[in-house]
Structures are given as C-alpha cells and as structure tokens.
Amino acid sequence: MVIIEVSLLSGFVMTSRARMLLENRTIVKKIEVKANVVYIYLEKLNDESQTFILQLEQVIQVKNLKPASIKIYDYYQPGGLQISSNSGVGS
C-alpha cells in the first residue's frame, strides 16, 4: 500500500467534491483528513502515470503563505523509498 500525504496550505480545506472524485478512482482505497493533512491510501502503484487533483477552498485569509508539502511513501516501509515535493499556491 502507498500513501500520498498532502499538507494543506494554511487557511484551506479540501472540498467534498474533491473527496468524492478521489474516492471514485479504483486505485484509491481510502482517504483520511486529519487537521490540515490529507492522506490518500492507494492499493499499489505501477509504471502507469497517475494524476491526482485536490480542489481546495479558502476558508481563512492568511498572509505570507508557505508552500505545501506532498510526500509519497510505502505504508509498510515508511523509512524506505520516499518522494517529497513542495507545491506553491495553485489556481
């Protein structure tokens, strides 16, 4: 199992529509939202390219936003292969 961990930007929440669209994908096993982090559990990854879009809604105005982080790692070996990325504010 693979986990995509998305730390949301301050003042933003994931929309219910975004959650529904993710849950309808066959590769997605489960989605958890805790505080300002979204965890997307995938059954497995293969060589096929995958694109995940999280639609966010700004609920609080925050100045000087810092980039959000995205981590991808193996659930059973979290210290093993890990891919990290920083993402700026999208449109």
N, C-alpha and C. Protein backbone atom coordinates (compact mmCIF):
# COMPACT_ATOMS: atom_id res chain seq x y z
N MET A 1 0.85 -1.17 0.00
CA MET A 1 0.00 0.00 0.00
C MET A 1 0.90 1.24 0.00
N VAL A 2 0.47 2.25 -0.72
CA VAL A 2 1.21 3.50 -0.86
C VAL A 2 0.36 4.62 -0.28
N ILE A 3 1.01 5.57 0.40
CA ILE A 3 0.29 6.72 0.96
C ILE A 3 0.79 8.00 0.31
N ILE A 4 -0.15 8.82 -0.09
CA ILE A 4 0.17 10.18 -0.54
C ILE A 4 -0.29 11.08 0.60
N GLU A 5 0.65 11.81 1.18
CA GLU A 5 0.37 12.69 2.32
C GLU A 5 0.47 14.13 1.85
N VAL A 6 -0.65 14.85 1.88
CA VAL A 6 -0.70 16.23 1.38
C VAL A 6 -0.97 17.16 2.55
N SER A 7 0.01 18.01 2.88
CA SER A 7 -0.18 19.03 3.91
C SER A 7 -0.82 20.23 3.24
N LEU A 8 -2.02 20.57 3.67
CA LEU A 8 -2.75 21.65 3.03
C LEU A 8 -2.17 23.01 3.40
N LEU A 9 -2.36 23.95 2.52
CA LEU A 9 -1.96 25.33 2.81
C LEU A 9 -2.78 25.87 3.96
N SER A 10 -2.19 26.74 4.78
CA SER A 10 -2.91 27.34 5.90
C SER A 10 -4.13 28.09 5.40
N GLY A 11 -5.26 27.86 6.05
CA GLY A 11 -6.49 28.54 5.68
C GLY A 11 -7.30 27.85 4.60
N PHE A 12 -6.85 26.68 4.13
CA PHE A 12 -7.54 25.96 3.06
C PHE A 12 -8.06 24.61 3.56
N VAL A 13 -9.16 24.15 2.98
CA VAL A 13 -9.70 22.82 3.24
C VAL A 13 -10.00 22.15 1.90
N MET A 14 -9.99 20.82 1.90
CA MET A 14 -10.34 20.09 0.70
C MET A 14 -11.86 20.09 0.56
N THR A 15 -12.36 20.31 -0.64
CA THR A 15 -13.81 20.34 -0.85
C THR A 15 -14.37 18.92 -0.84
N SER A 16 -15.65 18.80 -0.53
CA SER A 16 -16.30 17.48 -0.52
C SER A 16 -16.35 16.90 -1.94
N ARG A 17 -16.44 17.75 -2.94
CA ARG A 17 -16.42 17.29 -4.34
C ARG A 17 -15.08 16.64 -4.67
N ALA A 18 -14.00 17.24 -4.21
CA ALA A 18 -12.66 16.67 -4.46
C ALA A 18 -12.54 15.31 -3.80
N ARG A 19 -13.07 15.18 -2.60
CA ARG A 19 -13.02 13.89 -1.90
C ARG A 19 -13.80 12.83 -2.67
N MET A 20 -14.99 13.21 -3.14
CA MET A 20 -15.83 12.29 -3.88
C MET A 20 -15.14 11.82 -5.17
N LEU A 21 -14.51 12.75 -5.88
CA LEU A 21 -13.83 12.40 -7.13
C LEU A 21 -12.66 11.45 -6.87
N LEU A 22 -11.94 11.68 -5.78
CA LEU A 22 -10.83 10.78 -5.44
C LEU A 22 -11.33 9.39 -5.04
N GLU A 23 -12.40 9.35 -4.25
CA GLU A 23 -12.94 8.07 -3.77
C GLU A 23 -13.49 7.22 -4.91
N ASN A 24 -13.87 7.85 -6.00
CA ASN A 24 -14.41 7.11 -7.14
C ASN A 24 -13.33 6.48 -8.02
N ARG A 25 -12.08 6.78 -7.75
CA ARG A 25 -10.99 6.18 -8.54
C ARG A 25 -10.69 4.79 -7.99
N THR A 26 -10.54 3.83 -8.88
CA THR A 26 -10.35 2.45 -8.45
C THR A 26 -9.04 2.24 -7.71
N ILE A 27 -8.03 3.02 -7.99
CA ILE A 27 -6.73 2.87 -7.34
C ILE A 27 -6.75 3.36 -5.88
N VAL A 28 -7.71 4.25 -5.53
CA VAL A 28 -7.79 4.82 -4.18
C VAL A 28 -8.55 3.87 -3.28
N LYS A 29 -7.90 3.46 -2.20
CA LYS A 29 -8.50 2.54 -1.25
C LYS A 29 -9.23 3.28 -0.13
N LYS A 30 -8.65 4.40 0.33
CA LYS A 30 -9.20 5.11 1.48
C LYS A 30 -8.65 6.53 1.50
N ILE A 31 -9.42 7.46 2.08
CA ILE A 31 -8.99 8.84 2.25
C ILE A 31 -9.25 9.24 3.69
N GLU A 32 -8.25 9.84 4.33
CA GLU A 32 -8.42 10.37 5.68
C GLU A 32 -8.02 11.84 5.68
N VAL A 33 -8.75 12.65 6.43
CA VAL A 33 -8.40 14.05 6.60
C VAL A 33 -8.24 14.28 8.09
N LYS A 34 -7.04 14.67 8.50
CA LYS A 34 -6.74 14.95 9.91
C LYS A 34 -6.12 16.33 9.99
N ALA A 35 -6.75 17.21 10.75
CA ALA A 35 -6.29 18.60 10.89
C ALA A 35 -6.09 19.19 9.49
N ASN A 36 -4.86 19.53 9.14
CA ASN A 36 -4.61 20.14 7.83
C ASN A 36 -3.82 19.21 6.91
N VAL A 37 -4.00 17.90 7.08
CA VAL A 37 -3.30 16.91 6.25
C VAL A 37 -4.31 15.94 5.65
N VAL A 38 -4.16 15.67 4.35
CA VAL A 38 -4.99 14.69 3.65
C VAL A 38 -4.11 13.48 3.35
N TYR A 39 -4.59 12.29 3.76
CA TYR A 39 -3.89 11.04 3.49
C TYR A 39 -4.70 10.27 2.45
N ILE A 40 -4.06 9.95 1.33
CA ILE A 40 -4.71 9.18 0.27
C ILE A 40 -4.00 7.83 0.22
N TYR A 41 -4.74 6.77 0.53
CA TYR A 41 -4.20 5.42 0.54
C TYR A 41 -4.46 4.75 -0.81
N LEU A 42 -3.40 4.28 -1.43
CA LEU A 42 -3.51 3.61 -2.72
C LEU A 42 -3.19 2.13 -2.55
N GLU A 43 -3.91 1.29 -3.25
CA GLU A 43 -3.67 -0.15 -3.18
C GLU A 43 -2.24 -0.47 -3.60
N LYS A 44 -1.82 0.09 -4.73
CA LYS A 44 -0.45 -0.11 -5.22
C LYS A 44 -0.18 0.87 -6.35
N LEU A 45 1.08 1.02 -6.68
CA LEU A 45 1.48 1.83 -7.82
C LEU A 45 2.11 0.93 -8.86
N ASN A 46 2.03 1.34 -10.10
CA ASN A 46 2.70 0.61 -11.18
C ASN A 46 3.42 1.63 -12.06
N ASP A 47 3.80 1.24 -13.23
CA ASP A 47 4.54 2.13 -14.12
C ASP A 47 3.66 3.16 -14.81
N GLU A 48 2.35 3.05 -14.65
CA GLU A 48 1.42 4.00 -15.25
C GLU A 48 1.47 5.33 -14.53
N SER A 49 1.46 6.40 -15.28
CA SER A 49 1.43 7.74 -14.70
C SER A 49 0.06 8.00 -14.08
N GLN A 50 0.03 8.59 -12.90
CA GLN A 50 -1.23 8.92 -12.22
C GLN A 50 -1.24 10.42 -11.90
N THR A 51 -2.39 11.04 -12.04
CA THR A 51 -2.56 12.45 -11.69
C THR A 51 -3.68 12.56 -10.67
N PHE A 52 -3.40 13.26 -9.57
CA PHE A 52 -4.40 13.48 -8.53
C PHE A 52 -4.60 14.98 -8.38
N ILE A 53 -5.85 15.40 -8.42
CA ILE A 53 -6.17 16.82 -8.30
C ILE A 53 -7.01 17.00 -7.04
N LEU A 54 -6.53 17.87 -6.14
CA LEU A 54 -7.27 18.18 -4.92
C LEU A 54 -7.82 19.60 -5.07
N GLN A 55 -9.13 19.70 -5.11
CA GLN A 55 -9.75 21.01 -5.18
C GLN A 55 -9.86 21.54 -3.76
N LEU A 56 -9.31 22.73 -3.52
CA LEU A 56 -9.30 23.32 -2.19
C LEU A 56 -10.16 24.56 -2.14
N GLU A 57 -10.64 24.86 -0.95
CA GLU A 57 -11.45 26.05 -0.73
C GLU A 57 -10.79 26.86 0.38
N GLN A 58 -10.61 28.16 0.13
CA GLN A 58 -10.01 29.01 1.15
C GLN A 58 -11.10 29.44 2.12
N VAL A 59 -10.89 29.10 3.41
CA VAL A 59 -11.87 29.43 4.44
C VAL A 59 -11.39 30.53 5.36
N ILE A 60 -10.08 30.77 5.38
CA ILE A 60 -9.49 31.83 6.20
C ILE A 60 -8.42 32.53 5.37
N GLN A 61 -8.43 33.85 5.38
CA GLN A 61 -7.42 34.62 4.67
C GLN A 61 -6.11 34.58 5.48
N VAL A 62 -5.03 34.12 4.85
CA VAL A 62 -3.73 34.01 5.51
C VAL A 62 -2.70 34.75 4.67
N LYS A 63 -1.89 35.60 5.32
CA LYS A 63 -0.84 36.31 4.61
C LYS A 63 0.43 35.48 4.63
N ASN A 64 1.29 35.73 3.67
CA ASN A 64 2.60 35.08 3.57
C ASN A 64 2.50 33.55 3.59
N LEU A 65 1.66 33.00 2.72
CA LEU A 65 1.51 31.55 2.65
C LEU A 65 2.83 30.88 2.31
N LYS A 66 3.10 29.80 2.99
CA LYS A 66 4.27 28.98 2.71
C LYS A 66 3.83 27.82 1.82
N PRO A 67 4.75 27.28 1.01
CA PRO A 67 4.39 26.15 0.14
C PRO A 67 3.91 24.95 0.95
N ALA A 68 3.00 24.21 0.38
CA ALA A 68 2.51 22.97 0.99
C ALA A 68 3.47 21.85 0.62
N SER A 69 3.46 20.78 1.41
CA SER A 69 4.34 19.65 1.09
C SER A 69 3.51 18.43 0.72
N ILE A 70 4.08 17.61 -0.14
CA ILE A 70 3.46 16.36 -0.56
C ILE A 70 4.51 15.26 -0.40
N LYS A 71 4.13 14.19 0.30
CA LYS A 71 5.04 13.06 0.49
C LYS A 71 4.35 11.80 -0.02
N ILE A 72 5.13 10.94 -0.65
CA ILE A 72 4.62 9.65 -1.12
C ILE A 72 5.52 8.58 -0.55
N TYR A 73 4.92 7.61 0.14
CA TYR A 73 5.75 6.56 0.75
C TYR A 73 4.98 5.26 0.89
N ASP A 74 5.73 4.20 1.12
CA ASP A 74 5.18 2.85 1.31
C ASP A 74 4.66 2.73 2.73
N TYR A 75 3.41 2.33 2.90
CA TYR A 75 2.78 2.19 4.21
C TYR A 75 3.55 1.22 5.10
N TYR A 76 4.04 0.13 4.52
CA TYR A 76 4.70 -0.92 5.29
C TYR A 76 6.17 -0.65 5.54
N GLN A 77 6.76 0.28 4.80
CA GLN A 77 8.16 0.65 4.99
C GLN A 77 8.30 2.17 4.88
N PRO A 78 7.77 2.91 5.86
CA PRO A 78 7.76 4.37 5.74
C PRO A 78 9.16 4.99 5.70
N GLY A 79 10.17 4.30 6.22
CA GLY A 79 11.52 4.81 6.19
C GLY A 79 12.23 4.49 4.89
N GLY A 80 11.61 3.68 4.05
CA GLY A 80 12.21 3.29 2.78
C GLY A 80 12.07 4.38 1.74
N LEU A 81 11.68 4.00 0.55
CA LEU A 81 11.53 4.95 -0.54
C LEU A 81 10.51 6.02 -0.19
N GLN A 82 10.92 7.26 -0.34
CA GLN A 82 10.02 8.37 -0.04
C GLN A 82 10.27 9.46 -1.06
N ILE A 83 9.21 9.97 -1.63
CA ILE A 83 9.30 11.04 -2.61
C ILE A 83 8.66 12.26 -1.98
N SER A 84 9.40 13.37 -1.91
CA SER A 84 8.87 14.58 -1.31
C SER A 84 8.82 15.70 -2.36
N SER A 85 7.89 16.60 -2.18
CA SER A 85 7.75 17.70 -3.11
C SER A 85 7.15 18.89 -2.37
N ASN A 86 7.45 20.09 -2.84
CA ASN A 86 6.82 21.29 -2.31
C ASN A 86 5.99 21.90 -3.41
N SER A 87 4.86 22.40 -3.05
CA SER A 87 3.93 22.93 -4.03
C SER A 87 3.52 24.34 -3.62
N GLY A 88 3.52 25.25 -4.55
CA GLY A 88 3.07 26.61 -4.26
C GLY A 88 1.56 26.71 -4.36
N VAL A 89 1.06 27.90 -4.25
CA VAL A 89 -0.38 28.12 -4.34
C VAL A 89 -0.81 27.92 -5.78
N GLY A 90 -1.82 27.08 -6.00
CA GLY A 90 -2.34 26.84 -7.34
C GLY A 90 -3.51 27.74 -7.63
N SER A 91 -3.99 27.66 -8.84
CA SER A 91 -5.14 28.49 -9.20
C SER A 91 -6.37 27.65 -9.32
